[in-house]
Amino acid sequence: MKRITLFPALTLVATLAVAPMTGWAKTSELPRSMERAKDAASTAEWLQNKVRHELVMLPYYSVFDHITYKVECDRVELAGQVHRPTLKSSAARVVQQIEGISAVTNNIEVLPLSPNDDRIRLGVYRAIYGSSALSRYALQPVPSIHIIVKNGQVTLEGVAANEMDKNIANIRAHSVPGVFSIAQNIVVEKQ
């Protein structure tokens, strides 16, 4: 004799009954944050924050990528460098899906795949974030100092808390063998 259990069927029915009440149902209303932005006449600021949030939340965005953006009315221009080809298309896709964005210009450069550049990336990462003076930056989900390597040339991008941290990052990056040149575009936070 087979034993029939009703638990899976009851669970499914309960889930379907509760789903519309928990927000799973699609609504045509604008998000509350968008309504507040329109009421306050600061849609541009809201779009800036939303674009930044979506880019930082990309799953493969890392310390070895640097994406910049410019919001003009309802258009966004993306620029920068990424080391994974899929990250370029993912960035454009998530920005295009933001409410209020009508067009996205994707000028992100995909860095060439090179085992030597990968070795340099890892070496510079260890040199900078292995330093006791800069290790606090490594604790962030996406560290604020980005390491871009293209054909042996290193570019340091991002933000440092003070001038000393900026100089330490530069000195540590120069200590990595195989680096042809280093361009430093680190900005010091306003205090």
N, C-alpha and C. Protein backbone atom coordinates (compact mmCIF):
# COMPACT_ATOMS: atom_id res chain seq x y z
N MET A 1 0.83 -1.16 0.00
CA MET A 1 0.00 0.00 0.00
C MET A 1 0.89 1.25 0.00
N LYS A 2 0.60 2.19 -0.91
CA LYS A 2 1.40 3.41 -1.01
C LYS A 2 0.88 4.45 -0.03
N ARG A 3 1.81 5.14 0.52
CA ARG A 3 1.47 6.19 1.49
C ARG A 3 1.48 7.54 0.75
N ILE A 4 0.42 8.25 0.82
CA ILE A 4 0.31 9.54 0.14
C ILE A 4 0.40 10.62 1.21
N THR A 5 1.30 11.56 0.96
CA THR A 5 1.44 12.67 1.89
C THR A 5 0.88 13.93 1.26
N LEU A 6 0.24 14.70 2.03
CA LEU A 6 -0.37 15.94 1.55
C LEU A 6 0.52 17.16 1.80
N PHE A 7 1.62 16.98 2.50
CA PHE A 7 2.47 18.11 2.86
C PHE A 7 2.98 18.89 1.64
N PRO A 8 3.55 18.23 0.59
CA PRO A 8 4.01 19.02 -0.57
C PRO A 8 2.89 19.80 -1.24
N ALA A 9 1.72 19.19 -1.35
CA ALA A 9 0.60 19.88 -2.00
C ALA A 9 0.13 21.07 -1.16
N LEU A 10 0.05 20.89 0.15
CA LEU A 10 -0.36 21.98 1.03
C LEU A 10 0.65 23.12 1.02
N THR A 11 1.93 22.77 0.96
CA THR A 11 2.99 23.78 0.92
C THR A 11 2.86 24.62 -0.35
N LEU A 12 2.61 23.98 -1.48
CA LEU A 12 2.46 24.69 -2.74
C LEU A 12 1.25 25.62 -2.70
N VAL A 13 0.14 25.14 -2.21
CA VAL A 13 -1.07 25.95 -2.12
C VAL A 13 -0.85 27.15 -1.20
N ALA A 14 -0.20 26.93 -0.06
CA ALA A 14 0.07 28.02 0.88
C ALA A 14 0.99 29.06 0.25
N THR A 15 2.00 28.60 -0.49
CA THR A 15 2.94 29.52 -1.14
C THR A 15 2.22 30.37 -2.17
N LEU A 16 1.39 29.76 -2.98
CA LEU A 16 0.66 30.51 -4.00
C LEU A 16 -0.34 31.48 -3.39
N ALA A 17 -0.91 31.12 -2.26
CA ALA A 17 -1.87 32.01 -1.61
C ALA A 17 -1.20 33.22 -0.98
N VAL A 18 0.02 33.06 -0.47
CA VAL A 18 0.73 34.13 0.21
C VAL A 18 1.51 35.00 -0.75
N ALA A 19 1.86 34.48 -1.93
CA ALA A 19 2.73 35.19 -2.87
C ALA A 19 2.25 36.59 -3.22
N PRO A 20 0.97 36.79 -3.57
CA PRO A 20 0.55 38.16 -3.89
C PRO A 20 0.65 39.13 -2.72
N MET A 21 0.52 38.64 -1.51
CA MET A 21 0.58 39.51 -0.34
C MET A 21 2.01 39.90 0.00
N THR A 22 2.98 39.11 -0.43
CA THR A 22 4.37 39.38 -0.06
C THR A 22 5.11 40.19 -1.10
N GLY A 23 4.44 40.66 -2.14
CA GLY A 23 5.12 41.52 -3.10
C GLY A 23 5.63 40.78 -4.31
N TRP A 24 5.28 39.53 -4.49
CA TRP A 24 5.74 38.81 -5.66
C TRP A 24 4.96 39.22 -6.89
N ALA A 25 3.79 39.75 -6.67
CA ALA A 25 2.96 40.17 -7.80
C ALA A 25 3.57 41.43 -8.41
N LYS A 26 3.54 41.51 -9.72
CA LYS A 26 4.09 42.65 -10.44
C LYS A 26 3.10 43.81 -10.38
N THR A 27 3.59 44.99 -10.04
CA THR A 27 2.72 46.16 -10.01
C THR A 27 3.24 47.18 -11.01
N SER A 28 2.39 48.09 -11.41
CA SER A 28 2.79 49.11 -12.37
C SER A 28 3.22 50.39 -11.68
N GLU A 29 3.25 50.41 -10.38
CA GLU A 29 3.63 51.62 -9.65
C GLU A 29 5.13 51.84 -9.72
N LEU A 30 5.52 53.09 -9.71
CA LEU A 30 6.94 53.42 -9.66
C LEU A 30 7.48 53.09 -8.28
N PRO A 31 8.76 52.76 -8.18
CA PRO A 31 9.34 52.55 -6.85
C PRO A 31 9.20 53.81 -6.01
N ARG A 32 9.05 53.61 -4.71
CA ARG A 32 8.89 54.77 -3.82
C ARG A 32 10.06 55.73 -3.92
N SER A 33 11.28 55.18 -4.10
CA SER A 33 12.44 56.06 -4.19
C SER A 33 12.36 56.93 -5.43
N MET A 34 11.79 56.40 -6.53
CA MET A 34 11.65 57.18 -7.76
C MET A 34 10.59 58.27 -7.56
N GLU A 35 9.49 57.96 -6.87
CA GLU A 35 8.45 58.95 -6.61
C GLU A 35 9.01 60.10 -5.77
N ARG A 36 9.79 59.75 -4.75
CA ARG A 36 10.39 60.78 -3.91
C ARG A 36 11.32 61.65 -4.72
N ALA A 37 12.07 61.01 -5.63
CA ALA A 37 13.01 61.78 -6.45
C ALA A 37 12.26 62.76 -7.34
N LYS A 38 11.12 62.34 -7.90
CA LYS A 38 10.35 63.25 -8.75
C LYS A 38 9.74 64.36 -7.92
N ASP A 39 9.25 64.03 -6.74
CA ASP A 39 8.66 65.06 -5.88
C ASP A 39 9.70 66.09 -5.48
N ALA A 40 10.89 65.66 -5.25
CA ALA A 40 11.94 66.56 -4.79
C ALA A 40 12.70 67.21 -5.95
N ALA A 41 12.30 66.91 -7.17
CA ALA A 41 12.96 67.47 -8.36
C ALA A 41 14.44 67.16 -8.39
N SER A 42 14.80 65.97 -7.92
CA SER A 42 16.21 65.57 -7.95
C SER A 42 16.37 64.23 -8.65
N THR A 43 15.70 64.08 -9.78
CA THR A 43 15.77 62.83 -10.54
C THR A 43 17.20 62.52 -10.98
N ALA A 44 17.94 63.55 -11.35
CA ALA A 44 19.32 63.34 -11.81
C ALA A 44 20.18 62.74 -10.69
N GLU A 45 20.01 63.25 -9.49
CA GLU A 45 20.77 62.71 -8.36
C GLU A 45 20.35 61.27 -8.06
N TRP A 46 19.06 61.00 -8.15
CA TRP A 46 18.57 59.64 -7.92
C TRP A 46 19.15 58.68 -8.96
N LEU A 47 19.18 59.12 -10.24
CA LEU A 47 19.74 58.27 -11.29
C LEU A 47 21.23 58.03 -11.07
N GLN A 48 21.96 59.07 -10.65
CA GLN A 48 23.39 58.92 -10.36
C GLN A 48 23.61 57.83 -9.31
N ASN A 49 22.87 57.91 -8.22
CA ASN A 49 23.00 56.93 -7.14
C ASN A 49 22.59 55.54 -7.58
N LYS A 50 21.54 55.44 -8.36
CA LYS A 50 21.05 54.14 -8.83
C LYS A 50 22.04 53.49 -9.79
N VAL A 51 22.60 54.27 -10.71
CA VAL A 51 23.60 53.73 -11.65
C VAL A 51 24.83 53.25 -10.89
N ARG A 52 25.31 54.05 -9.94
CA ARG A 52 26.46 53.64 -9.15
C ARG A 52 26.18 52.35 -8.40
N HIS A 53 25.01 52.27 -7.77
CA HIS A 53 24.64 51.08 -7.01
C HIS A 53 24.62 49.84 -7.91
N GLU A 54 24.00 49.96 -9.08
CA GLU A 54 23.90 48.81 -9.98
C GLU A 54 25.27 48.36 -10.47
N LEU A 55 26.17 49.30 -10.75
CA LEU A 55 27.51 48.93 -11.22
C LEU A 55 28.33 48.27 -10.12
N VAL A 56 28.25 48.80 -8.92
CA VAL A 56 29.02 48.22 -7.82
C VAL A 56 28.50 46.82 -7.45
N MET A 57 27.22 46.58 -7.67
CA MET A 57 26.63 45.30 -7.33
C MET A 57 26.82 44.22 -8.40
N LEU A 58 27.49 44.55 -9.50
CA LEU A 58 27.75 43.52 -10.51
C LEU A 58 28.56 42.39 -9.88
N PRO A 59 28.20 41.14 -10.14
CA PRO A 59 28.83 40.03 -9.43
C PRO A 59 30.33 39.87 -9.68
N TYR A 60 30.81 40.21 -10.87
CA TYR A 60 32.23 40.00 -11.16
C TYR A 60 33.03 41.31 -11.21
N TYR A 61 32.46 42.39 -10.72
CA TYR A 61 33.17 43.67 -10.63
C TYR A 61 34.16 43.56 -9.48
N SER A 62 35.43 43.81 -9.75
CA SER A 62 36.45 43.59 -8.73
C SER A 62 37.46 44.73 -8.70
N VAL A 63 38.48 44.51 -7.92
CA VAL A 63 39.56 45.48 -7.77
C VAL A 63 40.35 45.64 -9.07
N PHE A 64 40.21 44.70 -10.01
CA PHE A 64 40.94 44.74 -11.27
C PHE A 64 40.13 45.38 -12.39
N ASP A 65 39.01 45.99 -12.06
CA ASP A 65 38.16 46.67 -13.03
C ASP A 65 37.93 48.11 -12.56
N HIS A 66 37.72 48.99 -13.51
CA HIS A 66 37.42 50.38 -13.17
C HIS A 66 36.39 50.89 -14.16
N ILE A 67 35.18 51.12 -13.69
CA ILE A 67 34.09 51.60 -14.55
C ILE A 67 33.67 52.98 -14.08
N THR A 68 33.63 53.91 -15.02
CA THR A 68 33.14 55.25 -14.74
C THR A 68 31.86 55.47 -15.54
N TYR A 69 31.09 56.46 -15.15
CA TYR A 69 29.83 56.73 -15.85
C TYR A 69 29.53 58.22 -15.79
N LYS A 70 28.71 58.65 -16.76
CA LYS A 70 28.26 60.03 -16.79
C LYS A 70 26.77 60.00 -17.14
N VAL A 71 25.94 60.62 -16.31
CA VAL A 71 24.50 60.66 -16.52
C VAL A 71 24.14 62.04 -17.06
N GLU A 72 23.51 62.07 -18.23
CA GLU A 72 23.01 63.31 -18.81
C GLU A 72 21.54 63.11 -19.14
N CYS A 73 20.68 63.75 -18.38
CA CYS A 73 19.22 63.60 -18.50
C CYS A 73 18.84 62.14 -18.34
N ASP A 74 18.42 61.49 -19.43
CA ASP A 74 18.03 60.08 -19.35
C ASP A 74 18.99 59.17 -20.10
N ARG A 75 20.20 59.68 -20.38
CA ARG A 75 21.22 58.89 -21.08
C ARG A 75 22.43 58.70 -20.18
N VAL A 76 23.04 57.52 -20.30
CA VAL A 76 24.22 57.19 -19.49
C VAL A 76 25.35 56.78 -20.42
N GLU A 77 26.54 57.31 -20.14
CA GLU A 77 27.73 56.92 -20.89
C GLU A 77 28.66 56.17 -19.93
N LEU A 78 29.01 54.93 -20.29
CA LEU A 78 29.91 54.11 -19.48
C LEU A 78 31.30 54.14 -20.11
N ALA A 79 32.32 54.18 -19.27
CA ALA A 79 33.71 54.15 -19.74
C ALA A 79 34.53 53.39 -18.71
N GLY A 80 35.79 53.16 -19.02
CA GLY A 80 36.68 52.48 -18.09
C GLY A 80 37.28 51.24 -18.71
N GLN A 81 37.83 50.38 -17.85
CA GLN A 81 38.49 49.15 -18.29
C GLN A 81 38.02 48.00 -17.42
N VAL A 82 37.82 46.84 -18.05
CA VAL A 82 37.46 45.62 -17.33
C VAL A 82 38.34 44.49 -17.84
N HIS A 83 38.61 43.51 -16.99
CA HIS A 83 39.46 42.40 -17.42
C HIS A 83 38.65 41.18 -17.84
N ARG A 84 37.34 41.19 -17.65
CA ARG A 84 36.46 40.10 -18.11
C ARG A 84 35.55 40.65 -19.21
N PRO A 85 35.53 39.98 -20.36
CA PRO A 85 34.69 40.47 -21.46
C PRO A 85 33.20 40.52 -21.12
N THR A 86 32.72 39.60 -20.29
CA THR A 86 31.29 39.58 -19.96
C THR A 86 30.88 40.75 -19.08
N LEU A 87 31.82 41.35 -18.37
CA LEU A 87 31.50 42.46 -17.48
C LEU A 87 31.07 43.70 -18.27
N LYS A 88 31.62 43.88 -19.45
CA LYS A 88 31.26 45.02 -20.29
C LYS A 88 29.77 44.96 -20.66
N SER A 89 29.33 43.82 -21.14
CA SER A 89 27.92 43.69 -21.54
C SER A 89 27.00 43.68 -20.32
N SER A 90 27.44 43.08 -19.21
CA SER A 90 26.62 43.06 -18.00
C SER A 90 26.40 44.48 -17.46
N ALA A 91 27.42 45.31 -17.51
CA ALA A 91 27.30 46.69 -17.02
C ALA A 91 26.27 47.46 -17.85
N ALA A 92 26.34 47.33 -19.16
CA ALA A 92 25.38 48.03 -20.01
C ALA A 92 23.96 47.52 -19.78
N ARG A 93 23.83 46.20 -19.60
CA ARG A 93 22.50 45.61 -19.41
C ARG A 93 21.84 46.09 -18.12
N VAL A 94 22.57 46.08 -16.99
CA VAL A 94 21.95 46.48 -15.73
C VAL A 94 21.61 47.97 -15.71
N VAL A 95 22.42 48.79 -16.36
CA VAL A 95 22.13 50.23 -16.41
C VAL A 95 20.92 50.48 -17.31
N GLN A 96 20.82 49.75 -18.42
CA GLN A 96 19.69 49.93 -19.33
C GLN A 96 18.37 49.58 -18.66
N GLN A 97 18.39 48.67 -17.68
CA GLN A 97 17.17 48.23 -17.01
C GLN A 97 16.68 49.19 -15.93
N ILE A 98 17.45 50.22 -15.62
CA ILE A 98 17.04 51.19 -14.60
C ILE A 98 15.91 52.04 -15.16
N GLU A 99 14.87 52.23 -14.34
CA GLU A 99 13.75 53.07 -14.75
C GLU A 99 14.25 54.50 -14.97
N GLY A 100 13.84 55.08 -16.09
CA GLY A 100 14.22 56.45 -16.38
C GLY A 100 15.41 56.56 -17.31
N ILE A 101 16.08 55.46 -17.65
CA ILE A 101 17.22 55.47 -18.56
C ILE A 101 16.71 55.08 -19.94
N SER A 102 16.96 55.93 -20.95
CA SER A 102 16.49 55.62 -22.29
C SER A 102 17.61 55.10 -23.20
N ALA A 103 18.86 55.50 -22.94
CA ALA A 103 19.96 55.06 -23.81
C ALA A 103 21.24 54.91 -23.00
N VAL A 104 22.03 53.91 -23.38
CA VAL A 104 23.32 53.66 -22.73
C VAL A 104 24.39 53.58 -23.81
N THR A 105 25.43 54.39 -23.68
CA THR A 105 26.59 54.32 -24.57
C THR A 105 27.69 53.58 -23.82
N ASN A 106 28.11 52.46 -24.38
CA ASN A 106 29.07 51.59 -23.69
C ASN A 106 30.46 51.76 -24.30
N ASN A 107 31.31 52.56 -23.67
CA ASN A 107 32.69 52.78 -24.11
C ASN A 107 33.69 52.07 -23.21
N ILE A 108 33.26 51.00 -22.56
CA ILE A 108 34.15 50.26 -21.67
C ILE A 108 35.13 49.44 -22.50
N GLU A 109 36.41 49.53 -22.15
CA GLU A 109 37.46 48.78 -22.85
C GLU A 109 37.69 47.45 -22.14
N VAL A 110 37.74 46.38 -22.93
CA VAL A 110 38.07 45.07 -22.38
C VAL A 110 39.58 44.89 -22.51
N LEU A 111 40.23 44.67 -21.37
CA LEU A 111 41.68 44.53 -21.38
C LEU A 111 42.09 43.22 -22.03
N PRO A 112 43.23 43.20 -22.72
CA PRO A 112 43.65 41.96 -23.39
C PRO A 112 43.97 40.86 -22.39
N LEU A 113 43.64 39.62 -22.77
CA LEU A 113 43.95 38.48 -21.92
C LEU A 113 45.44 38.17 -22.04
N SER A 114 46.13 38.13 -20.92
CA SER A 114 47.56 37.91 -20.94
C SER A 114 47.98 37.28 -19.61
N PRO A 115 48.68 36.14 -19.66
CA PRO A 115 49.16 35.54 -18.42
C PRO A 115 50.15 36.45 -17.68
N ASN A 116 50.93 37.23 -18.42
CA ASN A 116 51.88 38.14 -17.79
C ASN A 116 51.13 39.26 -17.05
N ASP A 117 50.07 39.80 -17.68
CA ASP A 117 49.27 40.82 -17.00
C ASP A 117 48.59 40.26 -15.76
N ASP A 118 48.13 39.01 -15.84
CA ASP A 118 47.51 38.38 -14.66
C ASP A 118 48.51 38.24 -13.52
N ARG A 119 49.75 37.89 -13.86
CA ARG A 119 50.80 37.78 -12.84
C ARG A 119 51.09 39.14 -12.21
N ILE A 120 51.14 40.17 -13.03
CA ILE A 120 51.39 41.52 -12.53
C ILE A 120 50.22 41.99 -11.66
N ARG A 121 48.98 41.71 -12.08
CA ARG A 121 47.80 42.08 -11.28
C ARG A 121 47.90 41.49 -9.87
N LEU A 122 48.18 40.20 -9.84
CA LEU A 122 48.28 39.52 -8.55
C LEU A 122 49.43 40.07 -7.71
N GLY A 123 50.57 40.34 -8.34
CA GLY A 123 51.72 40.89 -7.63
C GLY A 123 51.44 42.28 -7.06
N VAL A 124 50.82 43.14 -7.86
CA VAL A 124 50.51 44.49 -7.39
C VAL A 124 49.46 44.43 -6.28
N TYR A 125 48.46 43.54 -6.44
CA TYR A 125 47.45 43.38 -5.40
C TYR A 125 48.09 42.98 -4.08
N ARG A 126 48.97 41.99 -4.13
CA ARG A 126 49.65 41.54 -2.90
C ARG A 126 50.52 42.63 -2.31
N ALA A 127 51.21 43.38 -3.18
CA ALA A 127 52.09 44.44 -2.69
C ALA A 127 51.30 45.55 -2.01
N ILE A 128 50.20 45.96 -2.61
CA ILE A 128 49.42 47.07 -2.06
C ILE A 128 48.62 46.62 -0.84
N TYR A 129 47.80 45.61 -1.02
CA TYR A 129 46.88 45.22 0.06
C TYR A 129 47.54 44.32 1.11
N GLY A 130 48.74 43.86 0.84
CA GLY A 130 49.49 43.11 1.85
C GLY A 130 50.24 44.02 2.81
N SER A 131 50.31 45.29 2.47
CA SER A 131 50.96 46.28 3.33
C SER A 131 50.06 46.55 4.53
N SER A 132 50.67 46.58 5.70
CA SER A 132 49.86 46.82 6.91
C SER A 132 49.22 48.20 6.90
N ALA A 133 49.84 49.16 6.22
CA ALA A 133 49.28 50.51 6.17
C ALA A 133 48.04 50.58 5.27
N LEU A 134 47.94 49.67 4.29
CA LEU A 134 46.83 49.72 3.33
C LEU A 134 45.86 48.54 3.46
N SER A 135 46.09 47.67 4.41
CA SER A 135 45.26 46.46 4.51
C SER A 135 43.80 46.79 4.82
N ARG A 136 43.54 47.94 5.43
CA ARG A 136 42.15 48.29 5.74
C ARG A 136 41.32 48.51 4.48
N TYR A 137 41.95 48.87 3.37
CA TYR A 137 41.23 49.04 2.11
C TYR A 137 40.75 47.70 1.56
N ALA A 138 41.48 46.64 1.85
CA ALA A 138 41.13 45.31 1.33
C ALA A 138 39.89 44.74 2.00
N LEU A 139 39.48 45.28 3.13
CA LEU A 139 38.33 44.77 3.84
C LEU A 139 37.00 45.21 3.23
N GLN A 140 37.03 46.16 2.33
CA GLN A 140 35.82 46.63 1.68
C GLN A 140 35.37 45.61 0.63
N PRO A 141 34.06 45.52 0.35
CA PRO A 141 33.60 44.57 -0.68
C PRO A 141 34.27 44.80 -2.04
N VAL A 142 34.36 46.06 -2.45
CA VAL A 142 35.13 46.42 -3.64
C VAL A 142 36.12 47.48 -3.17
N PRO A 143 37.40 47.10 -3.01
CA PRO A 143 38.39 48.06 -2.50
C PRO A 143 38.43 49.34 -3.34
N SER A 144 38.73 50.44 -2.69
CA SER A 144 38.65 51.74 -3.36
C SER A 144 39.84 52.04 -4.26
N ILE A 145 40.92 51.28 -4.16
CA ILE A 145 42.06 51.44 -5.06
C ILE A 145 42.02 50.30 -6.06
N HIS A 146 41.80 50.65 -7.33
CA HIS A 146 41.68 49.65 -8.40
C HIS A 146 43.00 49.53 -9.15
N ILE A 147 43.30 48.32 -9.58
CA ILE A 147 44.55 48.00 -10.26
C ILE A 147 44.22 47.60 -11.70
N ILE A 148 44.62 48.43 -12.66
CA ILE A 148 44.38 48.17 -14.07
C ILE A 148 45.72 47.86 -14.71
N VAL A 149 45.82 46.70 -15.37
CA VAL A 149 47.07 46.30 -16.02
C VAL A 149 46.78 46.04 -17.49
N LYS A 150 47.52 46.75 -18.35
CA LYS A 150 47.38 46.56 -19.80
C LYS A 150 48.77 46.49 -20.41
N ASN A 151 49.11 45.32 -20.91
CA ASN A 151 50.41 45.08 -21.56
C ASN A 151 51.59 45.49 -20.66
N GLY A 152 51.53 45.14 -19.40
CA GLY A 152 52.61 45.41 -18.46
C GLY A 152 52.60 46.81 -17.87
N GLN A 153 51.67 47.64 -18.30
CA GLN A 153 51.58 49.00 -17.77
C GLN A 153 50.45 49.05 -16.74
N VAL A 154 50.78 49.52 -15.55
CA VAL A 154 49.83 49.53 -14.43
C VAL A 154 49.27 50.93 -14.25
N THR A 155 47.97 50.99 -14.03
CA THR A 155 47.30 52.24 -13.67
C THR A 155 46.57 52.02 -12.36
N LEU A 156 46.84 52.85 -11.40
CA LEU A 156 46.15 52.80 -10.11
C LEU A 156 45.04 53.84 -10.15
N GLU A 157 43.81 53.40 -9.96
CA GLU A 157 42.63 54.27 -10.01
C GLU A 157 41.92 54.20 -8.67
N GLY A 158 41.17 55.24 -8.34
CA GLY A 158 40.34 55.18 -7.16
C GLY A 158 40.57 56.29 -6.17
N VAL A 159 40.28 55.98 -4.89
CA VAL A 159 40.30 56.97 -3.83
C VAL A 159 41.09 56.45 -2.65
N ALA A 160 41.93 57.32 -2.08
CA ALA A 160 42.67 57.01 -0.85
C ALA A 160 42.24 57.98 0.24
N ALA A 161 42.36 57.56 1.47
CA ALA A 161 41.93 58.39 2.59
C ALA A 161 42.83 59.60 2.78
N ASN A 162 44.13 59.46 2.49
CA ASN A 162 45.05 60.57 2.68
C ASN A 162 46.22 60.46 1.71
N GLU A 163 47.04 61.49 1.69
CA GLU A 163 48.18 61.55 0.77
C GLU A 163 49.20 60.46 1.06
N MET A 164 49.39 60.12 2.32
CA MET A 164 50.35 59.08 2.68
C MET A 164 49.93 57.72 2.09
N ASP A 165 48.66 57.36 2.18
CA ASP A 165 48.20 56.10 1.61
C ASP A 165 48.38 56.07 0.10
N LYS A 166 48.14 57.20 -0.54
CA LYS A 166 48.34 57.31 -1.99
C LYS A 166 49.80 57.05 -2.35
N ASN A 167 50.72 57.65 -1.60
CA ASN A 167 52.15 57.47 -1.86
C ASN A 167 52.62 56.04 -1.55
N ILE A 168 52.10 55.45 -0.48
CA ILE A 168 52.48 54.08 -0.14
C ILE A 168 52.03 53.12 -1.24
N ALA A 169 50.82 53.32 -1.76
CA ALA A 169 50.33 52.46 -2.85
C ALA A 169 51.22 52.58 -4.07
N ASN A 170 51.64 53.79 -4.38
CA ASN A 170 52.53 54.00 -5.53
C ASN A 170 53.88 53.32 -5.32
N ILE A 171 54.47 53.48 -4.15
CA ILE A 171 55.77 52.87 -3.84
C ILE A 171 55.67 51.36 -3.88
N ARG A 172 54.63 50.80 -3.28
CA ARG A 172 54.44 49.34 -3.25
C ARG A 172 54.24 48.78 -4.66
N ALA A 173 53.51 49.50 -5.51
CA ALA A 173 53.29 49.03 -6.88
C ALA A 173 54.59 49.04 -7.68
N HIS A 174 55.47 50.00 -7.41
CA HIS A 174 56.76 50.04 -8.10
C HIS A 174 57.67 48.88 -7.72
N SER A 175 57.40 48.22 -6.60
CA SER A 175 58.26 47.12 -6.16
C SER A 175 57.98 45.81 -6.87
N VAL A 176 56.93 45.73 -7.68
CA VAL A 176 56.57 44.48 -8.36
C VAL A 176 57.42 44.31 -9.61
N PRO A 177 58.09 43.16 -9.76
CA PRO A 177 58.90 42.94 -10.97
C PRO A 177 58.03 42.74 -12.20
N GLY A 178 58.53 43.19 -13.35
CA GLY A 178 57.84 43.00 -14.62
C GLY A 178 56.92 44.16 -15.00
N VAL A 179 56.81 45.16 -14.14
CA VAL A 179 55.95 46.31 -14.45
C VAL A 179 56.76 47.29 -15.29
N PHE A 180 56.22 47.68 -16.45
CA PHE A 180 56.93 48.62 -17.33
C PHE A 180 56.76 50.06 -16.87
N SER A 181 55.54 50.43 -16.51
CA SER A 181 55.30 51.79 -16.05
C SER A 181 54.08 51.80 -15.14
N ILE A 182 54.00 52.86 -14.32
CA ILE A 182 52.86 53.00 -13.42
C ILE A 182 52.31 54.41 -13.55
N ALA A 183 51.00 54.49 -13.82
CA ALA A 183 50.30 55.76 -13.83
C ALA A 183 49.40 55.77 -12.60
N GLN A 184 49.49 56.85 -11.85
CA GLN A 184 48.72 56.92 -10.62
C GLN A 184 47.61 57.95 -10.76
N ASN A 185 46.37 57.47 -10.71
CA ASN A 185 45.20 58.34 -10.78
C ASN A 185 44.39 58.24 -9.50
N ILE A 186 45.06 58.07 -8.40
CA ILE A 186 44.37 57.96 -7.11
C ILE A 186 44.08 59.37 -6.60
N VAL A 187 42.84 59.60 -6.19
CA VAL A 187 42.40 60.89 -5.67
C VAL A 187 42.33 60.78 -4.15
N VAL A 188 42.74 61.83 -3.45
CA VAL A 188 42.67 61.85 -1.99
C VAL A 188 41.30 62.40 -1.59
N GLU A 189 40.65 61.71 -0.63
CA GLU A 189 39.33 62.15 -0.15
C GLU A 189 39.43 63.54 0.45
N LYS A 190 38.36 64.29 0.29
CA LYS A 190 38.29 65.61 0.93
C LYS A 190 37.98 65.39 2.41
N GLN A 191 38.67 66.13 3.26
CA GLN A 191 38.47 65.94 4.70
C GLN A 191 37.80 67.10 5.34
